[in-house]
C-alpha atoms as a PDB file:
ATOM      1  CA  MET A   1      96.689 148.269  71.340  1.00  0.00           C
ATOM      2  CA  ALA A   2      93.711 146.455  72.914  1.00  0.00           C
ATOM      3  CA  LEU A   3      94.300 144.559  76.118  1.00  0.00           C
ATOM      4  CA  SER A   4      94.385 140.828  75.461  1.00  0.00           C
ATOM      5  CA  THR A   5      92.455 138.244  77.479  1.00  0.00           C
ATOM      6  CA  LEU A   6      93.685 134.880  78.711  1.00  0.00           C
ATOM      7  CA  TRP A   7      90.728 132.491  78.597  1.00  0.00           C
ATOM      8  CA  ILE A   8      90.824 129.454  80.902  1.00  0.00           C
ATOM      9  CA  PHE A   9      88.481 126.453  80.594  1.00  0.00           C
ATOM     10  CA  GLY A  10      88.586 123.184  82.508  1.00  0.00           C
ATOM     11  CA  ASP A  11      88.110 121.678  85.961  1.00  0.00           C
ATOM     12  CA  SER A  12      89.676 122.142  89.421  1.00  0.00           C
ATOM     13  CA  PHE A  13      93.248 122.080  88.100  1.00  0.00           C
ATOM     14  CA  ASP A  14      92.379 125.104  85.989  1.00  0.00           C
ATOM     15  CA  TYR A  15      90.139 126.742  88.580  1.00  0.00           C
ATOM     16  CA  GLY A  16      92.809 126.713  91.270  1.00  0.00           C
ATOM     17  CA  ALA A  17      91.123 124.593  93.899  1.00  0.00           C
ATOM     18  CA  GLU A  18      93.221 123.808  96.953  1.00  0.00           C
ATOM     19  CA  SER A  19      96.276 125.913  96.077  1.00  0.00           C
ATOM     20  CA  SER A  20      94.389 129.184  95.644  1.00  0.00           C
ATOM     21  CA  VAL A  21      91.283 129.093  97.825  1.00  0.00           C
ATOM     22  CA  ILE A  22      91.019 130.407 101.389  1.00  0.00           C
ATOM     23  CA  GLY A  23      89.767 127.695 103.733  1.00  0.00           C
ATOM     24  CA  GLN A  24      91.682 124.900 102.034  1.00  0.00           C
ATOM     25  CA  PRO A  25      94.298 123.176 104.255  1.00  0.00           C
ATOM     26  CA  TYR A  26      97.171 123.623 101.805  1.00  0.00           C
ATOM     27  CA  TYR A  27      96.490 127.283 101.079  1.00  0.00           C
ATOM     28  CA  ASP A  28      95.876 128.151 104.744  1.00  0.00           C
ATOM     29  CA  ASN A  29      98.694 126.184 106.385  1.00  0.00           C
ATOM     30  CA  PHE A  30     101.505 126.134 103.832  1.00  0.00           C
ATOM     31  CA  THR A  31     102.095 129.818 103.227  1.00  0.00           C
ATOM     32  CA  GLU A  32     105.845 129.702 102.599  1.00  0.00           C
ATOM     33  CA  ASN A  33     106.685 130.141  98.915  1.00  0.00           C
ATOM     34  CA  ARG A  34     103.017 130.640  98.125  1.00  0.00           C
ATOM     35  CA  LYS A  35     102.515 131.457  94.449  1.00  0.00           C
ATOM     36  CA  PRO A  36      99.379 132.398  92.479  1.00  0.00           C
ATOM     37  CA  HIS A  37      97.514 129.893  90.351  1.00  0.00           C
ATOM     38  CA  TYR A  38      99.089 129.180  86.965  1.00  0.00           C
ATOM     39  CA  SER A  39      96.436 131.240  85.163  1.00  0.00           C
ATOM     40  CA  LEU A  40      97.348 134.372  87.125  1.00  0.00           C
ATOM     41  CA  GLN A  41     101.057 133.814  86.539  1.00  0.00           C
ATOM     42  CA  LEU A  42     100.410 133.433  82.818  1.00  0.00           C
ATOM     43  CA  GLY A  43      98.179 136.492  82.771  1.00  0.00           C
ATOM     44  CA  LYS A  44     100.863 138.603  84.436  1.00  0.00           C
ATOM     45  CA  HIS A  45     103.551 137.382  82.031  1.00  0.00           C
ATOM     46  CA  LEU A  46     101.324 138.038  79.008  1.00  0.00           C
ATOM     47  CA  ASN A  47     100.032 141.333  80.395  1.00  0.00           C
ATOM     48  CA  SER A  48      96.527 139.961  79.853  1.00  0.00           C
ATOM     49  CA  LYS A  49      93.235 140.071  81.652  1.00  0.00           C
ATOM     50  CA  VAL A  50      92.393 136.589  82.996  1.00  0.00           C
ATOM     51  CA  CYS A  51      88.886 135.271  82.333  1.00  0.00           C
ATOM     52  CA  ASN A  52      88.644 131.911  84.121  1.00  0.00           C
ATOM     53  CA  HIS A  53      85.626 129.744  83.281  1.00  0.00           C
ATOM     54  CA  ALA A  54      86.974 126.556  84.863  1.00  0.00           C
ATOM     55  CA  VAL A  55      84.710 124.810  87.381  1.00  0.00           C
ATOM     56  CA  PRO A  56      85.819 122.126  89.879  1.00  0.00           C
ATOM     57  CA  SER A  57      84.692 118.610  88.884  1.00  0.00           C
ATOM     58  CA  PHE A  58      83.629 119.663  85.394  1.00  0.00           C
ATOM     59  CA  GLY A  59      83.727 116.925  82.807  1.00  0.00           C
ATOM     60  CA  PRO A  60      84.899 117.457  79.223  1.00  0.00           C
ATOM     61  CA  TYR A  61      81.421 118.123  77.853  1.00  0.00           C
ATOM     62  CA  GLN A  62      80.720 120.935  80.329  1.00  0.00           C
ATOM     63  CA  THR A  63      84.128 122.399  79.509  1.00  0.00           C
ATOM     64  CA  LEU A  64      83.358 122.254  75.800  1.00  0.00           C
ATOM     65  CA  TYR A  65      80.033 123.956  76.420  1.00  0.00           C
ATOM     66  CA  TYR A  66      81.662 126.847  78.291  1.00  0.00           C
ATOM     67  CA  LEU A  67      84.300 127.123  75.566  1.00  0.00           C
ATOM     68  CA  SER A  68      81.755 127.223  72.738  1.00  0.00           C
ATOM     69  CA  LYS A  69      79.531 129.645  74.649  1.00  0.00           C
ATOM     70  CA  ASN A  70      82.351 132.201  74.848  1.00  0.00           C
ATOM     71  CA  LEU A  71      83.584 131.980  71.253  1.00  0.00           C
ATOM     72  CA  LYS A  72      81.905 135.233  70.269  1.00  0.00           C
ATOM     73  CA  PHE A  73      83.939 137.108  72.892  1.00  0.00           C
ATOM     74  CA  ILE A  74      87.388 135.754  71.946  1.00  0.00           C
ATOM     75  CA  LYS A  75      89.500 138.273  70.030  1.00  0.00           C
ATOM     76  CA  PRO A  76      92.524 137.784  67.724  1.00  0.00           C
ATOM     77  CA  GLU A  77      94.930 139.047  70.407  1.00  0.00           C
ATOM     78  CA  ASP A  78      93.611 136.593  73.035  1.00  0.00           C
ATOM     79  CA  TYR A  79      95.044 133.385  74.497  1.00  0.00           C
ATOM     80  CA  ILE A  80      93.174 130.148  75.302  1.00  0.00           C
ATOM     81  CA  VAL A  81      94.034 127.307  77.707  1.00  0.00           C
ATOM     82  CA  VAL A  82      91.725 124.281  77.819  1.00  0.00           C
ATOM     83  CA  GLY A  83      92.083 121.425  80.317  1.00  0.00           C
ATOM     84  CA  MET A  84      90.170 118.311  79.231  1.00  0.00           C
ATOM     85  CA  SER A  85      89.228 116.097  82.184  1.00  0.00           C
ATOM     86  CA  ASP A  86      88.261 112.424  82.274  1.00  0.00           C
ATOM     87  CA  VAL A  87      85.453 111.136  80.044  1.00  0.00           C
ATOM     88  CA  HIS A  88      84.009 109.291  83.041  1.00  0.00           C
ATOM     89  CA  ARG A  89      82.738 112.672  84.201  1.00  0.00           C
ATOM     90  CA  LEU A  90      79.293 112.616  82.668  1.00  0.00           C
ATOM     91  CA  PRO A  91      76.939 115.612  82.673  1.00  0.00           C
ATOM     92  CA  GLY A  92      73.587 115.050  84.305  1.00  0.00           C
ATOM     93  CA  PHE A  93      70.487 116.969  85.337  1.00  0.00           C
ATOM     94  CA  GLU A  94      68.883 116.870  88.777  1.00  0.00           C
ATOM     95  CA  PRO A  95      65.847 119.143  89.382  1.00  0.00           C
ATOM     96  CA  ASN A  96      65.429 118.773  93.162  1.00  0.00           C
ATOM     97  CA  LEU A  97      68.798 119.477  94.780  1.00  0.00           C
ATOM     98  CA  PHE A  98      69.819 121.810  91.948  1.00  0.00           C
ATOM     99  CA  PRO A  99      66.672 123.832  91.144  1.00  0.00           C
ATOM    100  CA  LYS A 100      66.204 126.126  88.187  1.00  0.00           C
ATOM    101  CA  ASN A 101      68.744 128.946  87.866  1.00  0.00           C
ATOM    102  CA  THR A 102      71.207 127.392  90.311  1.00  0.00           C
ATOM    103  CA  TYR A 103      73.914 128.319  87.814  1.00  0.00           C
ATOM    104  CA  GLY A 104      72.352 131.598  86.706  1.00  0.00           C
ATOM    105  CA  THR A 105      70.020 132.186  83.804  1.00  0.00           C
ATOM    106  CA  ASP A 106      71.643 129.877  81.267  1.00  0.00           C
ATOM    107  CA  PRO A 107      69.093 127.118  80.515  1.00  0.00           C
ATOM    108  CA  TYR A 108      71.799 124.683  79.445  1.00  0.00           C
ATOM    109  CA  LEU A 109      73.490 124.882  82.850  1.00  0.00           C
ATOM    110  CA  GLU A 110      70.352 124.639  84.952  1.00  0.00           C
ATOM    111  CA  ASN A 111      70.243 121.464  87.036  1.00  0.00           C
ATOM    112  CA  ILE A 112      73.609 120.292  85.751  1.00  0.00           C
ATOM    113  CA  VAL A 113      75.612 117.897  87.911  1.00  0.00           C
ATOM    114  CA  SER A 114      79.089 116.694  87.033  1.00  0.00           C
ATOM    115  CA  ASN A 115      80.579 113.271  87.555  1.00  0.00           C
ATOM    116  CA  PHE A 116      77.517 111.050  87.374  1.00  0.00           C
ATOM    117  CA  GLY A 117      79.987 108.375  86.325  1.00  0.00           C
ATOM    118  CA  THR A 118      82.294 108.824  89.321  1.00  0.00           C
ATOM    119  CA  TRP A 119      81.947 110.381  92.771  1.00  0.00           C
ATOM    120  CA  SER A 120      78.303 111.446  92.550  1.00  0.00           C
ATOM    121  CA  ARG A 121      77.115 107.870  92.940  1.00  0.00           C
ATOM    122  CA  ASP A 122      78.433 108.017  96.508  1.00  0.00           C
ATOM    123  CA  ASP A 123      76.406 111.123  97.367  1.00  0.00           C
ATOM    124  CA  LYS A 124      73.429 109.832  99.366  1.00  0.00           C
ATOM    125  CA  LEU A 125      71.159 112.843  98.815  1.00  0.00           C
ATOM    126  CA  LEU A 126      71.886 112.937  95.093  1.00  0.00           C
ATOM    127  CA  LYS A 127      71.326 109.202  94.761  1.00  0.00           C
ATOM    128  CA  GLU A 128      68.002 109.333  96.609  1.00  0.00           C
ATOM    129  CA  SER A 129      66.828 112.306  94.570  1.00  0.00           C
ATOM    130  CA  MET A 130      67.781 110.860  91.194  1.00  0.00           C
ATOM    131  CA  GLU A 131      66.358 107.441  91.958  1.00  0.00           C
ATOM    132  CA  SER A 132      63.071 109.000  93.056  1.00  0.00           C
ATOM    133  CA  ILE A 133      62.839 110.212  89.447  1.00  0.00           C
ATOM    134  CA  VAL A 134      64.506 107.301  87.641  1.00  0.00           C
ATOM    135  CA  PRO A 135      64.676 104.045  89.642  1.00  0.00           C
ATOM    136  CA  ASN A 136      68.093 102.358  89.557  1.00  0.00           C
ATOM    137  CA  PHE A 137      69.554 105.447  87.885  1.00  0.00           C
ATOM    138  CA  PHE A 138      73.076 105.036  89.241  1.00  0.00           C
ATOM    139  CA  GLU A 139      73.117 101.323  88.545  1.00  0.00           C
ATOM    140  CA  GLY A 140      72.322 102.200  84.936  1.00  0.00           C
ATOM    141  CA  ILE A 141      75.046 104.842  84.827  1.00  0.00           C
ATOM    142  CA  GLU A 142      77.627 102.419  86.198  1.00  0.00           C
ATOM    143  CA  LYS A 143      76.648  99.811  83.607  1.00  0.00           C
ATOM    144  CA  TYR A 144      76.920 102.437  80.884  1.00  0.00           C
ATOM    145  CA  VAL A 145      80.397 103.459  82.056  1.00  0.00           C
ATOM    146  CA  VAL A 146      81.617  99.850  82.335  1.00  0.00           C
ATOM    147  CA  ASN A 147      80.065  98.572  79.111  1.00  0.00           C
ATOM    148  CA  CYS A 148      80.030 101.590  76.809  1.00  0.00           C
ATOM    149  CA  ILE A 149      82.776 103.996  77.896  1.00  0.00           C
ATOM    150  CA  ASP A 150      85.552 101.854  79.357  1.00  0.00           C
ATOM    151  CA  PRO A 151      85.947  99.509  76.346  1.00  0.00           C
ATOM    152  CA  PHE A 152      86.197 102.550  74.056  1.00  0.00           C
ATOM    153  CA  LYS A 153      87.791 105.065  76.392  1.00  0.00           C
ATOM    154  CA  ALA A 154      90.454 105.866  73.796  1.00  0.00           C
ATOM    155  CA  GLU A 155      87.794 106.754  71.240  1.00  0.00           C
ATOM    156  CA  HIS A 156      85.745 108.816  73.711  1.00  0.00           C
ATOM    157  CA  THR A 157      88.833 110.716  74.840  1.00  0.00           C
ATOM    158  CA  GLU A 158      90.078 111.303  71.315  1.00  0.00           C
ATOM    159  CA  PHE A 159      86.608 112.506  70.348  1.00  0.00           C
ATOM    160  CA  VAL A 160      86.330 115.179  73.067  1.00  0.00           C
ATOM    161  CA  ASN A 161      89.953 116.249  72.558  1.00  0.00           C
ATOM    162  CA  GLN A 162      89.337 116.673  68.837  1.00  0.00           C
ATOM    163  CA  LEU A 163      86.175 118.631  69.569  1.00  0.00           C
ATOM    164  CA  ALA A 164      88.185 121.006  71.761  1.00  0.00           C
ATOM    165  CA  LYS A 165      90.826 121.351  69.047  1.00  0.00           C
ATOM    166  CA  ASN A 166      88.196 122.038  66.374  1.00  0.00           C
ATOM    167  CA  ILE A 167      86.445 124.659  68.492  1.00  0.00           C
ATOM    168  CA  VAL A 168      89.683 126.455  69.362  1.00  0.00           C
ATOM    169  CA  GLU A 169      90.793 126.387  65.727  1.00  0.00           C
ATOM    170  CA  SER A 170      87.547 128.127  64.773  1.00  0.00           C
ATOM    171  CA  THR A 171      88.738 131.206  66.667  1.00  0.00           C
ATOM    172  CA  SER A 172      91.384 133.665  65.526  1.00  0.00           C
ATOM    173  CA  CYS A 173      93.129 133.659  68.917  1.00  0.00           C
ATOM    174  CA  SER A 174      96.817 134.482  69.143  1.00  0.00           C
ATOM    175  CA  LYS A 175      97.865 131.319  71.007  1.00  0.00           C
ATOM    176  CA  SER A 176      96.128 128.218  72.377  1.00  0.00           C
ATOM    177  CA  PHE A 177      97.038 125.308  74.627  1.00  0.00           C
ATOM    178  CA  ILE A 178      94.923 122.154  75.049  1.00  0.00           C
ATOM    179  CA  TYR A 179      95.970 119.469  77.518  1.00  0.00           C
ATOM    180  CA  ASN A 180      94.492 116.400  79.191  1.00  0.00           C
ATOM    181  CA  THR A 181      94.608 114.248  82.314  1.00  0.00           C
ATOM    182  CA  THR A 182      98.054 112.742  81.694  1.00  0.00           C
ATOM    183  CA  THR A 183      99.497 116.233  82.211  1.00  0.00           C
ATOM    184  CA  TRP A 184      98.089 116.282  85.747  1.00  0.00           C
ATOM    185  CA  HIS A 185     100.781 113.844  86.868  1.00  0.00           C
ATOM    186  CA  GLU A 186     103.750 115.660  85.332  1.00  0.00           C
ATOM    187  CA  PHE A 187     103.961 118.495  87.867  1.00  0.00           C
ATOM    188  CA  GLU A 188     104.416 118.527  91.633  1.00  0.00           C
ATOM    189  CA  SER A 189     101.252 117.767  93.598  1.00  0.00           C
ATOM    190  CA  ILE A 190     100.157 119.047  96.990  1.00  0.00           C
ATOM    191  CA  LYS A 191     100.696 115.521  98.338  1.00  0.00           C
ATOM    192  CA  GLU A 192     104.323 115.594  97.200  1.00  0.00           C
ATOM    193  CA  ALA A 193     104.889 119.154  98.409  1.00  0.00           C
ATOM    194  CA  THR A 194     103.590 118.336 101.904  1.00  0.00           C
ATOM    195  CA  ASN A 195     105.344 114.957 102.199  1.00  0.00           C
ATOM    196  CA  ASN A 196     101.993 113.144 102.227  1.00  0.00           C
ATOM    197  CA  GLU A 197     100.590 115.348 104.985  1.00  0.00           C
ATOM    198  CA  ILE A 198      97.742 116.409 102.692  1.00  0.00           C
ATOM    199  CA  GLU A 199      96.349 113.726 100.388  1.00  0.00           C
ATOM    200  CA  ASP A 200      95.684 115.929  97.397  1.00  0.00           C
ATOM    201  CA  MET A 201      96.870 115.367  93.848  1.00  0.00           C
ATOM    202  CA  HIS A 202      96.149 118.909  92.624  1.00  0.00           C
ATOM    203  CA  TRP A 203      99.202 120.976  91.799  1.00  0.00           C
ATOM    204  CA  SER A 204     101.228 122.635  94.522  1.00  0.00           C
ATOM    205  CA  TYR A 205     102.499 126.213  94.254  1.00  0.00           C
ATOM    206  CA  LYS A 206     105.575 124.859  92.494  1.00  0.00           C
ATOM    207  CA  GLY A 207     103.426 122.647  90.275  1.00  0.00           C
ATOM    208  CA  ASN A 208     101.376 125.643  89.139  1.00  0.00           C
ATOM    209  CA  THR A 209     104.509 127.697  88.492  1.00  0.00           C
ATOM    210  CA  ASP A 210     106.150 124.895  86.517  1.00  0.00           C
ATOM    211  CA  PHE A 211     102.987 124.361  84.465  1.00  0.00           C
ATOM    212  CA  ALA A 212     102.838 128.076  83.589  1.00  0.00           C
ATOM    213  CA  LYS A 213     106.488 127.948  82.483  1.00  0.00           C
ATOM    214  CA  TYR A 214     105.760 124.778  80.498  1.00  0.00           C
ATOM    215  CA  ILE A 215     102.995 126.506  78.523  1.00  0.00           C
ATOM    216  CA  LEU A 216     105.222 129.516  77.808  1.00  0.00           C
ATOM    217  CA  ARG A 217     108.048 127.255  76.577  1.00  0.00           C
ATOM    218  CA  LYS A 218     105.634 125.459  74.270  1.00  0.00           C
ATOM    219  CA  TRP A 219     104.334 128.756  72.927  1.00  0.00           C
ATOM    220  CA  GLU A 220     107.876 129.845  72.089  1.00  0.00           C
ATOM    221  CA  LYS A 221     107.966 127.033  69.510  1.00  0.00           C
ATOM    222  CA  ASN A 222     104.361 126.970  68.321  1.00  0.00           C
ATOM    223  CA  ASN A 223     101.371 129.268  68.783  1.00  0.00           C
ATOM    224  CA  HIS A 224      98.852 126.449  68.963  1.00  0.00           C
ATOM    225  CA  ILE A 225      99.610 123.422  71.135  1.00  0.00           C
ATOM    226  CA  HIS A 226      97.515 120.276  71.544  1.00  0.00           C
ATOM    227  CA  ILE A 227      98.970 117.763  74.009  1.00  0.00           C
ATOM    228  CA  PRO A 228      97.546 114.315  73.107  1.00  0.00           C
ATOM    229  CA  HIS A 229      96.704 111.741  75.763  1.00  0.00           C
ATOM    230  CA  LYS A 230      99.804 109.512  75.896  1.00  0.00           C
ATOM    231  CA  ASP A 231      98.030 106.173  76.403  1.00  0.00           C
ATOM    232  CA  ILE A 232      95.531 106.968  73.670  1.00  0.00           C
ATOM    233  CA  GLN A 233      98.242 108.083  71.273  1.00  0.00           C
ATOM    234  CA  LYS A 234      99.979 104.700  71.719  1.00  0.00           C
ATOM    235  CA  LYS A 235      96.698 102.854  71.193  1.00  0.00           C
ATOM    236  CA  PHE A 236      95.928 104.629  67.949  1.00  0.00           C
ATOM    237  CA  GLU A 237      99.490 104.104  66.705  1.00  0.00           C
ATOM    238  CA  TYR A 238      99.024 100.388  67.333  1.00  0.00           C
ATOM    239  CA  ARG A 239      95.760 100.412  65.434  1.00  0.00           C
ATOM    240  CA  ARG A 240      97.225 102.222  62.451  1.00  0.00           C
ATOM    241  CA  ASN A 241     100.070  99.719  62.250  1.00  0.00           C
ATOM    242  CA  ALA A 242      97.919  96.634  62.773  1.00  0.00           C
ATOM    243  CA  THR A 243      95.172  97.096  60.202  1.00  0.00           C
ATOM    244  CA  ILE A 244      94.502  96.737  56.502  1.00  0.00           C
ATOM    245  CA  ASN A 245      92.165  99.099  54.660  1.00  0.00           C
ATOM    246  CA  TRP A 246      88.656  97.782  54.256  1.00  0.00           C
ATOM    247  CA  SER A 247      87.310  97.254  50.736  1.00  0.00           C
ATOM    248  CA  PRO A 248      84.323  95.500  49.157  1.00  0.00           C
ATOM    249  CA  ASP A 249      86.703  92.693  48.236  1.00  0.00           C
ATOM    250  CA  ASN A 250      87.786  92.353  51.846  1.00  0.00           C
ATOM    251  CA  PRO A 251      84.494  92.738  53.796  1.00  0.00           C
ATOM    252  CA  ASP A 252      85.747  91.138  57.012  1.00  0.00           C
ATOM    253  CA  LYS A 253      88.038  94.090  57.685  1.00  0.00           C
ATOM    254  CA  ASP A 254      86.739  96.958  59.791  1.00  0.00           C
ATOM    255  CA  PRO A 255      85.863 100.003  57.595  1.00  0.00           C
ATOM    256  CA  TYR A 256      87.440 102.351  60.148  1.00  0.00           C
ATOM    257  CA  ASN A 257      90.821 100.610  60.022  1.00  0.00           C
ATOM    258  CA  ARG A 258      90.532  99.172  63.528  1.00  0.00           C
ATOM    259  CA  PRO A 259      91.778  95.666  64.285  1.00  0.00           C
ATOM    260  CA  LEU A 260      88.933  93.209  64.726  1.00  0.00           C
ATOM    261  CA  ILE A 261      89.065  91.917  68.292  1.00  0.00           C
END
């Protein structure tokens, strides 16, 4: 029987970040009860090779790109875990600080910078470089986030989550697990594990272990799991209950069954 592969896609929670990397305060100084990252624990339990394509700070669109790029390699006996981060994390391209081939030979990853909608606006070098190309670039990004993403964050999040679900369903993988940012807060963080000594909300050793067990429990009941965003699920339930179907005889109603606000 061919050896299966556990495919991991996502951001720092899925990469391992502070709980798995030498040089990080938590990993270096809190060695008691140290456990591997959840992906390695899952891989050992499943007797699978682990192929981790998660990248710290990746937004959902970069994650979806990595996922789609690897579809041709995913086999029927394989497993997939996809962590979908916040839709505020916008992909961007910066040719000066991140020159051609920074991320290898893939043209779609050249010059890519995550989080233009969040922390990158505070990076002085990045701001100066981008605004030398496009004046007031970050001001425009912030306006876009405030005016175009925030009012429809439920729709944006549902859209990228559905994209992930559609892509995974196009494979013939054995089992899949898709989760989102609300899951981040359901398992012990480094901050909790260190009694606030380290201000870090990534999962602790225990958090990673509990998350691995959580996935395995879910897979015992269903081979393909999609954990919806809780706040978004409530919002869409409200919309379904609060609307009347649009028709030519009722033109003031929204054709997509959303309440008119």
